[in-house]
Amino acid sequence: MNKWDELISRWLGKSVMFKREQIPLKEAADSYEVHYVNEISGSKIEIGFLLEEDRLVFLHFINPKTPGLTHFYRSDIQYFEEGVFEDPPEFGEVGLKFSDLNISKIKQYFVDGVRGTETQYSDGDVLLASKVKLEEFGDPPHWYQPVTGFFRRIKILWKNEEEKYYEGAASRIDVVQLDELFPGIKIDGN
């Protein structure tokens, strides 16, 4: 267990909402992943660590009700680089060192939860697309299009008309407030 894992386990260990599971990563012997699972909501926090260098590599908030957010974290390979929280941001090695600045920023992620929306465009029970807007990233939104054919997707993206196209094609539009699924947790001192 590295310092990051110990600290996050202490933060989440006081929460009755999450159960801890450790998953060794077969592709990298010097790293592992920890999942904290809320069995009631299906929410999962996935956290990746580098062992020897004591670094926090990624922090993903996943829920089956938010396929677009899951796609954002997993497919776009969202990970931390050292220096990302500096002012101005600098980008360096993969993973965050265990430092006061990094600890403060990661703690804020847990306290704030996930702020933003996922707009889901469906035709019956088939999800056509999801548009994810996270407050921390601002514009542009992330689009997830599981059904749209390759050439249609290129045309839609090229014309920058995703929203117009999916609003016309969808029989139902649902907006998920992400802070309702990931509201944040109380950590001592907050």
C-alpha atoms as a PDB file:
ATOM      1  CA  MET A   1       0.000   0.000   0.000  1.00  0.00           C
ATOM      2  CA  ASN A   2       1.454   3.393  -0.902  1.00  0.00           C
ATOM      3  CA  LYS A   3       0.933   6.722   0.906  1.00  0.00           C
ATOM      4  CA  TRP A   4      -1.829   7.808  -1.479  1.00  0.00           C
ATOM      5  CA  ASP A   5      -3.705   4.547  -0.978  1.00  0.00           C
ATOM      6  CA  GLU A   6      -3.398   4.819   2.811  1.00  0.00           C
ATOM      7  CA  LEU A   7      -4.699   8.401   2.801  1.00  0.00           C
ATOM      8  CA  ILE A   8      -7.633   7.738   0.444  1.00  0.00           C
ATOM      9  CA  SER A   9      -8.504   4.554   2.363  1.00  0.00           C
ATOM     10  CA  ARG A  10      -8.616   6.643   5.540  1.00  0.00           C
ATOM     11  CA  TRP A  11     -10.887   9.233   3.837  1.00  0.00           C
ATOM     12  CA  LEU A  12     -13.257   6.670   2.326  1.00  0.00           C
ATOM     13  CA  GLY A  13     -12.973   4.130   5.137  1.00  0.00           C
ATOM     14  CA  LYS A  14     -15.091   6.372   7.341  1.00  0.00           C
ATOM     15  CA  SER A  15     -17.800   6.393   4.685  1.00  0.00           C
ATOM     16  CA  VAL A  16     -20.343   3.590   4.938  1.00  0.00           C
ATOM     17  CA  MET A  17     -21.249   4.209   1.288  1.00  0.00           C
ATOM     18  CA  PHE A  18     -18.214   2.467  -0.230  1.00  0.00           C
ATOM     19  CA  LYS A  19     -16.647  -0.990   0.001  1.00  0.00           C
ATOM     20  CA  ARG A  20     -12.932  -1.339  -0.952  1.00  0.00           C
ATOM     21  CA  GLU A  21     -11.662  -3.840  -3.574  1.00  0.00           C
ATOM     22  CA  GLN A  22      -8.012  -4.087  -4.686  1.00  0.00           C
ATOM     23  CA  ILE A  23      -7.288  -5.214  -8.240  1.00  0.00           C
ATOM     24  CA  PRO A  24      -3.718  -6.008  -9.356  1.00  0.00           C
ATOM     25  CA  LEU A  25      -2.972  -4.817 -12.872  1.00  0.00           C
ATOM     26  CA  LYS A  26      -1.581  -7.673 -14.960  1.00  0.00           C
ATOM     27  CA  GLU A  27      -0.026  -5.381 -17.548  1.00  0.00           C
ATOM     28  CA  ALA A  28       2.102  -3.512 -14.967  1.00  0.00           C
ATOM     29  CA  ALA A  29       3.548  -5.308 -11.957  1.00  0.00           C
ATOM     30  CA  ASP A  30       4.526  -2.034 -10.285  1.00  0.00           C
ATOM     31  CA  SER A  31       0.972  -0.682 -10.183  1.00  0.00           C
ATOM     32  CA  TYR A  32      -2.449  -1.577  -8.883  1.00  0.00           C
ATOM     33  CA  GLU A  33      -5.970  -0.290  -8.885  1.00  0.00           C
ATOM     34  CA  VAL A  34      -8.416   0.135  -6.018  1.00  0.00           C
ATOM     35  CA  HIS A  35     -12.178   0.297  -6.493  1.00  0.00           C
ATOM     36  CA  TYR A  36     -14.561   1.691  -3.924  1.00  0.00           C
ATOM     37  CA  VAL A  37     -18.037   0.399  -4.723  1.00  0.00           C
ATOM     38  CA  ASN A  38     -21.371   1.731  -3.502  1.00  0.00           C
ATOM     39  CA  GLU A  39     -23.583  -1.342  -3.825  1.00  0.00           C
ATOM     40  CA  ILE A  40     -26.809   0.681  -3.520  1.00  0.00           C
ATOM     41  CA  SER A  41     -26.239   3.227  -6.314  1.00  0.00           C
ATOM     42  CA  GLY A  42     -23.786   1.189  -8.390  1.00  0.00           C
ATOM     43  CA  SER A  43     -21.292   4.062  -8.211  1.00  0.00           C
ATOM     44  CA  LYS A  44     -17.647   3.148  -8.278  1.00  0.00           C
ATOM     45  CA  ILE A  45     -14.503   5.164  -7.649  1.00  0.00           C
ATOM     46  CA  GLU A  46     -11.546   3.708  -9.554  1.00  0.00           C
ATOM     47  CA  ILE A  47      -8.105   4.785  -8.380  1.00  0.00           C
ATOM     48  CA  GLY A  48      -4.765   3.795  -9.910  1.00  0.00           C
ATOM     49  CA  PHE A  49      -1.384   3.874  -8.161  1.00  0.00           C
ATOM     50  CA  LEU A  50       2.274   3.378  -9.038  1.00  0.00           C
ATOM     51  CA  LEU A  51       3.836   1.462  -6.147  1.00  0.00           C
ATOM     52  CA  GLU A  52       7.550   2.169  -6.187  1.00  0.00           C
ATOM     53  CA  GLU A  53       7.248   5.859  -6.977  1.00  0.00           C
ATOM     54  CA  ASP A  54       4.303   6.410  -4.628  1.00  0.00           C
ATOM     55  CA  ARG A  55       2.190   8.201  -7.258  1.00  0.00           C
ATOM     56  CA  LEU A  56      -1.533   8.623  -7.821  1.00  0.00           C
ATOM     57  CA  VAL A  57      -2.162   7.973 -11.528  1.00  0.00           C
ATOM     58  CA  PHE A  58      -5.922   8.292 -11.966  1.00  0.00           C
ATOM     59  CA  LEU A  59      -9.185   8.919 -10.143  1.00  0.00           C
ATOM     60  CA  HIS A  60     -12.355   7.960 -12.039  1.00  0.00           C
ATOM     61  CA  PHE A  61     -15.977   8.232 -10.935  1.00  0.00           C
ATOM     62  CA  ILE A  62     -18.021   5.533 -12.706  1.00  0.00           C
ATOM     63  CA  ASN A  63     -21.740   4.695 -12.647  1.00  0.00           C
ATOM     64  CA  PRO A  64     -23.829   2.488 -14.965  1.00  0.00           C
ATOM     65  CA  LYS A  65     -26.338   5.364 -15.272  1.00  0.00           C
ATOM     66  CA  THR A  66     -23.661   7.585 -16.875  1.00  0.00           C
ATOM     67  CA  PRO A  67     -22.154   5.781 -19.887  1.00  0.00           C
ATOM     68  CA  GLY A  68     -20.821   9.055 -21.310  1.00  0.00           C
ATOM     69  CA  LEU A  69     -18.894   9.899 -18.129  1.00  0.00           C
ATOM     70  CA  THR A  70     -17.544   6.345 -17.983  1.00  0.00           C
ATOM     71  CA  HIS A  71     -16.417   6.666 -21.610  1.00  0.00           C
ATOM     72  CA  PHE A  72     -14.762  10.005 -20.832  1.00  0.00           C
ATOM     73  CA  TYR A  73     -12.672   8.503 -18.034  1.00  0.00           C
ATOM     74  CA  ARG A  74     -11.849   5.146 -19.619  1.00  0.00           C
ATOM     75  CA  SER A  75     -11.565   5.785 -23.353  1.00  0.00           C
ATOM     76  CA  ASP A  76      -9.897   9.159 -23.249  1.00  0.00           C
ATOM     77  CA  ILE A  77      -7.340   7.782 -20.781  1.00  0.00           C
ATOM     78  CA  GLN A  78      -7.726  10.470 -18.160  1.00  0.00           C
ATOM     79  CA  TYR A  79      -4.724  10.438 -15.835  1.00  0.00           C
ATOM     80  CA  PHE A  80      -2.782  12.893 -13.696  1.00  0.00           C
ATOM     81  CA  GLU A  81       0.565  14.369 -14.642  1.00  0.00           C
ATOM     82  CA  GLU A  82       2.911  15.874 -12.075  1.00  0.00           C
ATOM     83  CA  GLY A  83       2.538  19.660 -12.064  1.00  0.00           C
ATOM     84  CA  VAL A  84      -1.079  19.747 -13.250  1.00  0.00           C
ATOM     85  CA  PHE A  85      -2.128  21.658 -10.090  1.00  0.00           C
ATOM     86  CA  GLU A  86       0.706  24.212 -10.277  1.00  0.00           C
ATOM     87  CA  ASP A  87      -0.104  27.810 -11.179  1.00  0.00           C
ATOM     88  CA  PRO A  88       0.343  27.944 -14.147  1.00  0.00           C
ATOM     89  CA  PRO A  89      -0.074  24.221 -14.791  1.00  0.00           C
ATOM     90  CA  GLU A  90       3.003  22.291 -15.837  1.00  0.00           C
ATOM     91  CA  PHE A  91       2.937  18.790 -17.219  1.00  0.00           C
ATOM     92  CA  GLY A  92       5.532  16.225 -16.299  1.00  0.00           C
ATOM     93  CA  GLU A  93       5.771  12.589 -15.341  1.00  0.00           C
ATOM     94  CA  VAL A  94       2.693  10.392 -15.141  1.00  0.00           C
ATOM     95  CA  GLY A  95       1.117  10.435 -11.684  1.00  0.00           C
ATOM     96  CA  LEU A  96       0.973  12.855  -8.777  1.00  0.00           C
ATOM     97  CA  LYS A  97       3.639  12.820  -6.087  1.00  0.00           C
ATOM     98  CA  PHE A  98       2.478  12.726  -2.484  1.00  0.00           C
ATOM     99  CA  SER A  99       2.806  16.476  -1.735  1.00  0.00           C
ATOM    100  CA  ASP A 100       0.746  19.001   0.234  1.00  0.00           C
ATOM    101  CA  LEU A 101      -0.542  20.748  -2.924  1.00  0.00           C
ATOM    102  CA  ASN A 102      -1.561  17.493  -4.623  1.00  0.00           C
ATOM    103  CA  ILE A 103      -3.166  16.134  -1.434  1.00  0.00           C
ATOM    104  CA  SER A 104      -5.192  19.335  -1.061  1.00  0.00           C
ATOM    105  CA  LYS A 105      -6.446  19.209  -4.667  1.00  0.00           C
ATOM    106  CA  ILE A 106      -7.347  15.500  -4.564  1.00  0.00           C
ATOM    107  CA  LYS A 107      -9.112  15.971  -1.240  1.00  0.00           C
ATOM    108  CA  GLN A 108     -11.170  18.704  -2.908  1.00  0.00           C
ATOM    109  CA  TYR A 109     -12.232  16.231  -5.639  1.00  0.00           C
ATOM    110  CA  PHE A 110     -13.636  13.935  -2.970  1.00  0.00           C
ATOM    111  CA  VAL A 111     -15.304  16.758  -1.030  1.00  0.00           C
ATOM    112  CA  ASP A 112     -16.832  18.455  -4.099  1.00  0.00           C
ATOM    113  CA  GLY A 113     -17.880  15.291  -5.904  1.00  0.00           C
ATOM    114  CA  VAL A 114     -18.517  15.456  -9.638  1.00  0.00           C
ATOM    115  CA  ARG A 115     -20.099  18.702 -10.814  1.00  0.00           C
ATOM    116  CA  GLY A 116     -21.755  18.811 -14.201  1.00  0.00           C
ATOM    117  CA  THR A 117     -24.349  17.082 -16.359  1.00  0.00           C
ATOM    118  CA  GLU A 118     -24.704  14.199 -18.737  1.00  0.00           C
ATOM    119  CA  THR A 119     -27.383  14.762 -21.367  1.00  0.00           C
ATOM    120  CA  GLN A 120     -28.525  11.430 -22.815  1.00  0.00           C
ATOM    121  CA  TYR A 121     -30.224  11.276 -26.217  1.00  0.00           C
ATOM    122  CA  SER A 122     -32.216   8.040 -26.641  1.00  0.00           C
ATOM    123  CA  ASP A 123     -34.512   6.483 -29.199  1.00  0.00           C
ATOM    124  CA  GLY A 124     -36.701   4.184 -27.142  1.00  0.00           C
ATOM    125  CA  ASP A 125     -34.326   2.155 -24.977  1.00  0.00           C
ATOM    126  CA  VAL A 126     -31.338   2.716 -27.292  1.00  0.00           C
ATOM    127  CA  LEU A 127     -28.816   5.344 -26.243  1.00  0.00           C
ATOM    128  CA  LEU A 128     -27.843   7.344 -29.331  1.00  0.00           C
ATOM    129  CA  ALA A 129     -25.394   9.688 -27.638  1.00  0.00           C
ATOM    130  CA  SER A 130     -24.380  11.331 -24.387  1.00  0.00           C
ATOM    131  CA  LYS A 131     -23.008  14.821 -23.928  1.00  0.00           C
ATOM    132  CA  VAL A 132     -20.923  15.265 -20.772  1.00  0.00           C
ATOM    133  CA  LYS A 133     -20.175  18.732 -19.411  1.00  0.00           C
ATOM    134  CA  LEU A 134     -17.946  18.826 -16.346  1.00  0.00           C
ATOM    135  CA  GLU A 135     -17.623  22.133 -14.501  1.00  0.00           C
ATOM    136  CA  GLU A 136     -13.920  21.638 -13.905  1.00  0.00           C
ATOM    137  CA  PHE A 137     -13.193  21.321 -17.641  1.00  0.00           C
ATOM    138  CA  GLY A 138     -15.660  23.869 -19.071  1.00  0.00           C
ATOM    139  CA  ASP A 139     -16.135  23.750 -22.847  1.00  0.00           C
ATOM    140  CA  PRO A 140     -16.141  21.845 -25.125  1.00  0.00           C
ATOM    141  CA  PRO A 141     -18.308  18.990 -23.869  1.00  0.00           C
ATOM    142  CA  HIS A 142     -17.312  15.336 -24.317  1.00  0.00           C
ATOM    143  CA  TRP A 143     -19.524  13.362 -26.706  1.00  0.00           C
ATOM    144  CA  TYR A 144     -20.094   9.617 -26.484  1.00  0.00           C
ATOM    145  CA  GLN A 145     -21.841   8.049 -29.486  1.00  0.00           C
ATOM    146  CA  PRO A 146     -22.181   4.264 -29.085  1.00  0.00           C
ATOM    147  CA  VAL A 147     -24.551   3.609 -32.007  1.00  0.00           C
ATOM    148  CA  THR A 148     -23.815   6.184 -34.705  1.00  0.00           C
ATOM    149  CA  GLY A 149     -21.949   4.817 -37.727  1.00  0.00           C
ATOM    150  CA  PHE A 150     -18.400   5.957 -38.379  1.00  0.00           C
ATOM    151  CA  PHE A 151     -19.078   8.103 -41.462  1.00  0.00           C
ATOM    152  CA  ARG A 152     -22.165   9.747 -39.961  1.00  0.00           C
ATOM    153  CA  ARG A 153     -20.178  10.520 -36.806  1.00  0.00           C
ATOM    154  CA  ILE A 154     -17.397  12.140 -38.879  1.00  0.00           C
ATOM    155  CA  LYS A 155     -19.956  14.252 -40.771  1.00  0.00           C
ATOM    156  CA  ILE A 156     -21.681  15.328 -37.536  1.00  0.00           C
ATOM    157  CA  LEU A 157     -18.383  16.197 -35.848  1.00  0.00           C
ATOM    158  CA  TRP A 158     -17.041  17.964 -38.927  1.00  0.00           C
ATOM    159  CA  LYS A 159     -20.094  20.204 -39.097  1.00  0.00           C
ATOM    160  CA  ASN A 160     -20.052  20.601 -35.290  1.00  0.00           C
ATOM    161  CA  GLU A 161     -23.763  19.763 -35.176  1.00  0.00           C
ATOM    162  CA  GLU A 162     -23.910  16.985 -32.583  1.00  0.00           C
ATOM    163  CA  GLU A 163     -26.574  18.565 -30.412  1.00  0.00           C
ATOM    164  CA  LYS A 164     -28.836  19.553 -33.317  1.00  0.00           C
ATOM    165  CA  TYR A 165     -28.582  16.088 -34.886  1.00  0.00           C
ATOM    166  CA  TYR A 166     -29.272  14.137 -31.694  1.00  0.00           C
ATOM    167  CA  GLU A 167     -32.096  16.409 -30.542  1.00  0.00           C
ATOM    168  CA  GLY A 168     -33.849  15.636 -33.838  1.00  0.00           C
ATOM    169  CA  ALA A 169     -33.128  11.893 -33.740  1.00  0.00           C
ATOM    170  CA  ALA A 170     -33.984  11.295 -30.071  1.00  0.00           C
ATOM    171  CA  SER A 171     -37.420  10.334 -28.857  1.00  0.00           C
ATOM    172  CA  ARG A 172     -36.275  11.036 -25.281  1.00  0.00           C
ATOM    173  CA  ILE A 173     -33.694  13.399 -23.764  1.00  0.00           C
ATOM    174  CA  ASP A 174     -32.653  12.883 -20.140  1.00  0.00           C
ATOM    175  CA  VAL A 175     -30.324  15.114 -18.131  1.00  0.00           C
ATOM    176  CA  VAL A 176     -28.401  13.450 -15.296  1.00  0.00           C
ATOM    177  CA  GLN A 177     -27.057  15.784 -12.619  1.00  0.00           C
ATOM    178  CA  LEU A 178     -23.711  14.142 -11.851  1.00  0.00           C
ATOM    179  CA  ASP A 179     -23.565  15.512  -8.304  1.00  0.00           C
ATOM    180  CA  GLU A 180     -26.658  13.427  -7.493  1.00  0.00           C
ATOM    181  CA  LEU A 181     -24.668  10.243  -8.247  1.00  0.00           C
ATOM    182  CA  PHE A 182     -21.318  11.523  -6.899  1.00  0.00           C
ATOM    183  CA  PRO A 183     -22.217  14.194  -4.315  1.00  0.00           C
ATOM    184  CA  GLY A 184     -18.877  14.244  -2.529  1.00  0.00           C
ATOM    185  CA  ILE A 185     -18.018  12.960   0.906  1.00  0.00           C
ATOM    186  CA  LYS A 186     -17.322  14.588   4.235  1.00  0.00           C
ATOM    187  CA  ILE A 187     -13.668  14.414   5.204  1.00  0.00           C
ATOM    188  CA  ASP A 188     -12.405  15.558   8.618  1.00  0.00           C
ATOM    189  CA  GLY A 189     -11.813  19.296   8.533  1.00  0.00           C
ATOM    190  CA  ASN A 190     -14.477  19.939   5.839  1.00  0.00           C
END
